[in-house]
Protein backbone atom coordinates (compact mmCIF):
# COMPACT_ATOMS: atom_id res chain seq x y z
CA MET A 1 72.86 -64.37 36.43
CA ILE A 2 73.44 -62.61 33.09
CA PRO A 3 76.98 -63.10 31.71
CA LEU A 4 79.23 -60.03 31.75
CA SER A 5 79.45 -59.92 27.93
CA TRP A 6 75.63 -59.70 27.65
CA ARG A 7 75.49 -56.96 30.30
CA LEU A 8 78.17 -54.95 28.43
CA LEU A 9 76.27 -55.39 25.19
CA ALA A 10 73.06 -54.19 26.85
CA VAL A 11 74.84 -51.10 28.25
CA LEU A 12 76.32 -50.31 24.83
CA LEU A 13 72.94 -50.68 23.10
CA LEU A 14 71.28 -48.44 25.67
CA ALA A 15 74.01 -45.83 25.18
CA LEU A 16 73.67 -45.72 21.37
CA PRO A 17 70.68 -43.35 21.23
CA PHE A 18 72.62 -40.84 23.32
CA THR A 19 75.66 -40.65 21.06
CA GLY A 20 76.27 -39.63 17.45
CA GLN A 21 72.82 -39.36 15.95
CA ALA A 22 71.12 -37.93 19.06
CA ALA A 23 73.80 -35.25 19.35
CA ASP A 24 72.90 -34.14 15.82
CA ALA A 25 69.13 -34.35 16.30
CA LEU A 26 67.20 -31.12 15.87
CA PRO A 27 64.93 -29.85 18.64
CA GLY A 28 61.26 -30.76 18.19
CA ASP A 29 60.28 -27.10 17.65
CA SER A 30 62.92 -26.41 14.98
CA VAL A 31 61.81 -24.96 11.64
CA TYR A 32 64.71 -26.98 10.21
CA LEU A 33 62.75 -30.21 10.65
CA LEU A 34 60.94 -29.23 7.43
CA ASP A 35 62.62 -31.46 4.85
CA ASP A 36 61.54 -29.78 1.59
CA ALA A 37 64.01 -28.94 -1.19
CA PHE A 38 64.97 -25.30 -1.82
CA SER A 39 67.35 -23.59 -4.23
CA ASP A 40 69.13 -20.26 -3.88
CA GLN A 41 69.82 -17.28 -6.14
CA ALA A 42 72.70 -19.20 -7.75
CA GLY A 43 70.52 -22.26 -8.38
CA LYS A 44 72.26 -24.26 -5.65
CA PRO A 45 69.95 -26.76 -3.91
CA PHE A 46 69.72 -26.85 -0.12
CA LYS A 47 67.55 -27.91 2.81
CA LEU A 48 66.59 -25.62 5.66
CA ALA A 49 68.67 -27.76 8.03
CA ASP A 50 71.75 -26.66 6.05
CA ARG A 51 71.26 -23.26 7.74
CA ARG A 52 71.93 -24.86 11.11
CA GLY A 53 74.83 -23.50 13.12
CA ARG A 54 74.21 -19.76 13.18
CA PRO A 55 71.23 -17.52 13.90
CA GLN A 56 69.12 -16.52 10.89
CA LEU A 57 66.81 -13.68 9.97
CA VAL A 58 64.03 -15.19 7.88
CA ALA A 59 61.27 -13.49 5.89
CA MET A 60 58.94 -14.30 3.03
CA PHE A 61 58.78 -12.05 -0.02
CA TYR A 62 58.40 -12.09 -3.79
CA THR A 63 60.61 -10.40 -6.37
CA SER A 64 57.94 -8.53 -8.36
CA CYS A 65 56.62 -6.75 -5.25
CA ARG A 66 57.22 -3.03 -5.52
CA TYR A 67 56.26 -1.80 -2.07
CA ILE A 68 56.36 -4.00 1.02
CA CYS A 69 58.98 -6.58 0.00
CA PRO A 70 61.67 -3.95 -0.66
CA LEU A 71 60.92 -2.70 2.87
CA ILE A 72 61.44 -6.23 4.20
CA VAL A 73 64.91 -6.22 2.59
CA ASP A 74 65.55 -2.74 4.04
CA SER A 75 64.52 -4.02 7.47
CA ALA A 76 66.98 -6.91 7.33
CA LYS A 77 69.69 -4.55 6.07
CA GLY A 78 68.87 -2.18 8.95
CA VAL A 79 69.46 -4.98 11.44
CA GLU A 80 72.74 -5.84 9.71
CA HIS A 81 73.93 -2.23 9.79
CA ALA A 82 73.21 -2.02 13.53
CA LEU A 83 75.57 -4.96 14.18
CA SER A 84 79.33 -4.97 14.53
CA PRO A 85 81.27 -6.60 11.66
CA ALA A 86 81.90 -9.67 13.86
CA GLU A 87 78.20 -9.97 14.71
CA ARG A 88 77.21 -9.48 11.08
CA ALA A 89 79.51 -12.34 10.04
CA ARG A 90 77.67 -14.69 12.42
CA LEU A 91 74.17 -13.88 11.11
CA GLY A 92 72.51 -15.37 8.05
CA VAL A 93 69.55 -13.88 6.17
CA LEU A 94 67.08 -16.12 4.35
CA LEU A 95 64.31 -14.70 2.15
CA VAL A 96 61.88 -17.33 0.88
CA SER A 97 59.78 -16.51 -2.18
CA LEU A 98 55.99 -16.70 -1.96
CA ASP A 99 55.81 -16.88 -5.77
CA PRO A 100 57.45 -20.09 -7.07
CA ALA A 101 55.74 -19.72 -10.44
CA ARG A 102 57.54 -16.48 -11.30
CA ASP A 103 60.51 -16.31 -8.94
CA ASP A 104 62.99 -18.47 -10.77
CA THR A 105 66.74 -18.43 -10.16
CA ALA A 106 67.26 -15.49 -12.53
CA ALA A 107 64.65 -13.35 -10.73
CA LEU A 108 66.22 -14.10 -7.35
CA ALA A 109 69.71 -13.38 -8.66
CA SER A 110 68.54 -10.09 -10.16
CA VAL A 111 67.18 -8.86 -6.81
CA ALA A 112 70.31 -10.00 -4.97
CA ARG A 113 72.50 -8.15 -7.48
CA LYS A 114 70.40 -4.94 -7.59
CA ARG A 115 70.12 -4.77 -3.80
CA LYS A 116 73.83 -5.64 -3.33
CA LEU A 117 73.06 -8.57 -1.01
CA ASP A 118 76.23 -10.36 0.06
CA PRO A 119 75.82 -14.05 -0.92
CA ALA A 120 78.02 -15.07 2.02
CA ARG A 121 75.20 -13.95 4.33
CA TRP A 122 72.06 -13.54 2.20
CA THR A 123 70.13 -16.39 0.60
CA LEU A 124 67.15 -15.72 -1.64
CA ALA A 125 65.31 -19.00 -1.98
CA ARG A 126 62.62 -20.67 -3.99
CA THR A 127 60.73 -23.91 -3.45
CA ASP A 128 57.46 -25.47 -4.59
CA ALA A 129 54.02 -24.16 -3.60
CA GLY A 130 53.48 -26.86 -0.97
CA ALA A 131 56.72 -26.02 0.79
CA VAL A 132 55.86 -22.30 0.64
CA ARG A 133 52.65 -23.10 2.58
CA ARG A 134 54.56 -25.17 5.13
CA VAL A 135 57.27 -22.53 5.70
CA ALA A 136 54.63 -19.80 5.99
CA ALA A 137 52.74 -21.83 8.59
CA LEU A 138 55.89 -22.44 10.65
CA LEU A 139 56.83 -18.74 10.54
CA GLY A 140 53.31 -17.45 11.19
CA VAL A 141 53.13 -15.75 7.79
CA ARG A 142 49.68 -15.49 6.24
CA TYR A 143 49.40 -14.85 2.50
CA ARG A 144 47.07 -15.09 -0.46
CA ALA A 145 47.55 -14.63 -4.18
CA LEU A 146 45.54 -11.85 -5.82
CA ALA A 147 44.02 -11.88 -9.31
CA ASP A 148 46.62 -9.39 -10.59
CA GLY A 149 49.55 -11.64 -9.60
CA GLU A 150 50.39 -9.72 -6.45
CA PHE A 151 50.24 -11.21 -2.94
CA ASN A 152 48.77 -10.00 0.32
CA HIS A 153 51.07 -11.28 3.05
CA THR A 154 52.28 -10.79 6.58
CA SER A 155 55.40 -8.66 6.51
CA ALA A 156 57.67 -9.90 9.26
CA LEU A 157 61.26 -10.65 10.09
CA VAL A 158 61.64 -13.80 12.15
CA LEU A 159 64.75 -14.58 14.17
CA LEU A 160 65.78 -18.23 14.39
CA ASP A 161 68.45 -19.50 16.75
CA ALA A 162 71.31 -21.70 15.54
CA GLU A 163 69.04 -24.76 15.86
CA GLY A 164 66.17 -23.24 13.87
CA ARG A 165 63.87 -22.34 16.79
CA VAL A 166 61.86 -19.10 16.58
CA LEU A 167 63.28 -16.62 19.09
CA ALA A 168 61.64 -13.35 18.08
CA ARG A 169 59.71 -11.61 15.32
CA THR A 170 58.94 -8.08 14.29
CA GLU A 171 56.51 -6.55 11.84
CA ARG A 172 58.11 -3.13 12.15
CA LEU A 173 59.54 -2.36 8.71
CA GLY A 174 62.16 0.08 7.54
CA PRO A 175 65.89 0.74 7.82
CA VAL A 176 65.74 1.60 11.55
CA PRO A 177 65.41 -1.72 13.40
CA ASP A 178 62.85 -2.46 16.09
CA PRO A 179 64.94 -2.03 19.31
CA ALA A 180 63.48 -5.11 21.04
CA PHE A 181 64.06 -7.26 17.95
CA LEU A 182 67.61 -5.95 17.54
CA ALA A 183 68.32 -6.78 21.19
CA ALA A 184 67.07 -10.34 20.57
CA VAL A 185 69.35 -10.64 17.52
CA LYS A 186 72.37 -9.44 19.51
CA ALA A 187 71.56 -11.86 22.35
CA ALA A 188 71.27 -14.76 19.90
CA LEU A 189 74.59 -13.85 18.32
CA ALA A 190 76.26 -13.61 21.72
CA THR A 191 75.12 -17.12 22.69
CA GLY A 192 74.99 -18.78 19.28
CA ALA A 193 77.47 -21.29 17.98
CA PRO A 194 80.09 -20.15 15.44
CA PRO A 195 79.08 -20.57 11.80
CA ARG A 196 79.71 -23.94 10.18
């Protein structure tokens, strides 16, 4: 017969994976499992997992784009404007640059300032080229650099839940939100955890 102290120890060891660390573990399909380093329009470093805790609108863009990328910003703003102030406060917006060579902190800050993007909710981010490829793959964004420095790319808004799982996406651009996508955003905000 196994002594009581050994049985208690065995029970405690078996219980360890189900406490603490496991409670904080990300789901296996979370975009936040990507561990690359990013920095925002203020130069502050972060990881995608730092976004955990509230739903996010995510898109890829680049600051020198004159046509489609401003429409991506308009699309995210359109979603925001369709939300109540309380809903808006629970939603984050993350725009990841496709152009790490030219989109430095100053370029990101300039776009944020010109477009009047509230830094409490909007993050314009840059990372290295390898991480750009990985984020694009996770979000289903296809892109390629052109000889003139422009990019061809999928223009989409992607909705992530509070744990970083893809809930919905839309490629409908402009200030009037896609109704189905807006409904998904509202549903995520209704069930999502409060912001951290």
